[in-house]
Protein backbone atom coordinates (compact mmCIF):
# COMPACT_ATOMS: atom_id res chain seq x y z
CA MET A 1 -12.34 -3.58 -87.09
CA LYS A 2 -16.22 -3.00 -89.21
CA LYS A 3 -16.78 -6.49 -89.21
CA LEU A 4 -15.86 -6.56 -85.12
CA ILE A 5 -18.62 -3.20 -84.44
CA ALA A 6 -20.94 -5.19 -86.88
CA THR A 7 -20.68 -8.66 -84.69
CA LEU A 8 -20.90 -6.44 -81.27
CA VAL A 9 -23.99 -4.60 -82.95
CA CYS A 10 -25.81 -7.74 -83.99
CA VAL A 11 -25.14 -9.60 -80.40
CA ALA A 12 -26.24 -6.34 -78.55
CA LEU A 13 -29.12 -6.52 -80.73
CA VAL A 14 -29.98 -10.56 -80.41
CA ILE A 15 -29.67 -9.50 -76.56
CA ALA A 16 -32.50 -6.12 -76.29
CA LEU A 17 -34.80 -8.50 -78.25
CA VAL A 18 -34.78 -11.49 -76.01
CA PRO A 19 -37.71 -11.77 -74.23
CA PHE A 20 -36.38 -11.66 -70.36
CA GLY A 21 -39.57 -13.82 -68.40
CA THR A 22 -41.42 -10.27 -67.20
CA ALA A 23 -43.86 -12.39 -65.41
CA GLN A 24 -41.44 -14.51 -63.83
CA ARG A 25 -39.16 -11.52 -62.18
CA PRO A 26 -39.69 -9.34 -59.56
CA GLY A 27 -40.51 -6.08 -60.45
CA SER A 28 -37.33 -4.87 -59.09
CA LEU A 29 -35.21 -7.72 -60.78
CA ASN A 30 -37.02 -6.52 -64.03
CA LYS A 31 -35.89 -2.60 -63.43
CA ILE A 32 -32.80 -3.66 -62.88
CA MET A 33 -32.09 -5.98 -66.19
CA VAL A 34 -33.87 -2.97 -68.13
CA GLU A 35 -31.14 -0.46 -66.63
CA LYS A 36 -28.30 -2.91 -67.57
CA LEU A 37 -29.31 -2.76 -71.14
CA ASN A 38 -29.81 0.62 -71.37
CA SER A 39 -26.31 1.09 -70.33
CA SER A 40 -24.92 -1.82 -72.42
CA LYS A 41 -26.05 0.04 -75.21
CA MET A 42 -25.20 3.59 -73.77
CA LEU A 43 -21.61 1.50 -73.92
CA LEU A 44 -21.97 0.50 -77.53
CA GLU A 45 -22.58 3.89 -78.68
CA GLY A 46 -19.70 5.32 -76.68
CA ILE A 47 -17.52 2.46 -78.50
CA ALA A 48 -18.91 3.64 -81.60
CA MET A 49 -18.63 6.97 -81.16
CA ALA A 50 -14.59 6.33 -79.66
CA ASP A 51 -16.29 8.29 -76.61
CA PHE A 52 -13.68 7.31 -73.96
CA ALA A 53 -15.72 9.76 -71.64
CA LYS A 54 -19.38 7.72 -72.37
CA ILE A 55 -18.05 4.00 -71.86
CA SER A 56 -16.49 4.84 -69.19
CA ARG A 57 -19.66 6.11 -67.46
CA SER A 58 -21.68 3.16 -69.31
CA ALA A 59 -18.62 0.93 -67.51
CA GLU A 60 -18.92 2.15 -64.12
CA THR A 61 -23.14 2.46 -64.24
CA LEU A 62 -23.20 -1.61 -65.29
CA MET A 63 -20.18 -2.09 -62.29
CA GLN A 64 -23.07 -0.33 -59.50
CA LEU A 65 -26.20 -2.59 -61.06
CA SER A 66 -24.16 -5.66 -60.72
CA LYS A 67 -23.15 -4.72 -56.62
CA SER A 68 -27.29 -4.27 -55.93
CA ALA A 69 -29.17 -6.84 -53.42
CA GLU A 70 -31.65 -7.08 -56.91
CA TRP A 71 -28.61 -8.49 -58.78
CA PHE A 72 -28.15 -11.63 -56.88
CA VAL A 73 -30.75 -13.96 -58.31
CA TYR A 74 -29.40 -17.04 -56.78
CA LYS A 75 -26.84 -17.66 -54.44
CA THR A 76 -24.80 -20.56 -56.23
CA PRO A 77 -21.50 -20.89 -56.79
CA ARG A 78 -22.24 -20.70 -60.80
CA TYR A 79 -24.17 -17.28 -60.64
CA GLU A 80 -20.95 -15.74 -58.52
CA LEU A 81 -19.03 -16.97 -61.28
CA HIS A 82 -20.71 -15.57 -63.65
CA SER A 83 -21.35 -11.79 -61.84
CA ASN A 84 -17.65 -12.18 -60.75
CA GLU A 85 -16.95 -12.66 -64.56
CA PHE A 86 -19.49 -9.61 -65.36
CA ARG A 87 -17.88 -7.58 -63.05
CA ARG A 88 -14.00 -8.00 -64.28
CA ALA A 89 -15.15 -7.08 -68.05
CA ALA A 90 -16.83 -4.07 -66.73
CA GLU A 91 -13.93 -3.08 -64.74
CA ASN A 92 -11.35 -4.41 -67.93
CA ILE A 93 -13.22 -1.63 -69.94
CA MET A 94 -13.01 1.16 -67.58
CA GLN A 95 -9.53 0.39 -67.48
CA LYS A 96 -9.04 0.39 -71.68
CA ALA A 97 -11.19 3.77 -71.72
CA LYS A 98 -8.64 5.01 -69.36
CA ASP A 99 -6.29 4.01 -71.63
CA LYS A 100 -7.94 5.52 -74.35
CA ASN A 101 -7.76 1.82 -75.67
CA LEU A 102 -10.56 1.14 -78.53
CA ASP A 103 -9.97 -2.23 -79.19
CA GLY A 104 -9.16 -3.00 -75.71
CA VAL A 105 -12.89 -1.78 -74.93
CA THR A 106 -14.01 -3.38 -77.96
CA LEU A 107 -12.97 -6.83 -76.22
CA GLY A 108 -14.42 -6.25 -73.10
CA TYR A 109 -17.16 -5.05 -74.69
CA PHE A 110 -17.20 -8.96 -76.43
CA ASP A 111 -16.31 -10.59 -72.91
CA LEU A 112 -18.73 -8.42 -71.08
CA THR A 113 -22.12 -9.49 -73.31
CA MET A 114 -20.69 -13.17 -73.03
CA SER A 115 -20.45 -13.35 -70.00
CA CYS A 116 -24.53 -11.80 -70.27
CA VAL A 117 -25.07 -14.32 -72.73
CA ARG A 118 -23.95 -17.33 -70.49
CA CYS A 119 -25.16 -16.14 -67.62
CA HIS A 120 -29.22 -15.62 -68.95
CA GLN A 121 -28.58 -19.11 -69.92
CA TYR A 122 -27.87 -20.65 -66.53
CA VAL A 123 -31.03 -18.84 -65.51
CA ARG A 124 -33.06 -19.79 -67.59
CA GLU A 125 -32.15 -23.73 -66.88
CA VAL A 126 -32.10 -22.99 -63.60
CA ARG A 127 -35.56 -22.32 -63.55
CA GLU A 128 -36.59 -24.95 -65.98
CA ALA A 129 -35.40 -27.10 -63.60
CA ARG A 130 -37.55 -25.49 -60.67
CA ALA A 131 -40.63 -26.49 -63.55
CA PRO A 132 -43.37 -27.61 -61.87
CA VAL A 133 -43.51 -31.90 -62.79
CA PRO A 134 -46.90 -32.15 -64.59
CA ARG A 135 -48.92 -34.94 -63.33
CA ASP A 136 -49.91 -38.20 -65.01
CA ALA A 137 -53.23 -36.74 -66.33
CA ASP A 138 -51.65 -34.45 -68.09
CA VAL A 139 -48.51 -35.77 -69.09
CA VAL A 140 -51.80 -38.21 -70.95
CA ALA A 141 -53.94 -35.66 -72.31
CA ILE A 142 -50.21 -33.78 -73.83
CA ALA A 143 -49.49 -37.11 -75.29
CA GLU A 144 -53.05 -37.11 -76.36
CA GLN A 145 -52.90 -33.53 -78.37
CA ALA A 146 -49.18 -35.28 -79.99
CA ARG A 147 -51.35 -37.38 -82.00
């Protein structure tokens, strides 16, 4: 159990340290992602302390954030899939907390974190695909700099 919690702490720290690309995000989206991160941290703290009330509050906050209009960055089936996975994981955490099942909450937290990682990966892929294509002169200049 200690190894699992240590692993989850490491995953949470990695997510916390990954830049969200604030220059590309509107203010309201950046705000909601910061709130999501803070609630995730509180959730992890609740798990570490076996504080089921804190776990429930944090998971409920995450659920509410996922239902806000700012949450919906892209209207694609894949983005909707990631959002649904996130909500299912949050619901599972709330149920496991109600049952006072710490192992179940911990596994739910891992599922929640993985849904975040997969969604952020998808959003980066979409943004990279939508990036402007360099003009021929730019390509030549980049190639010359690489030599």
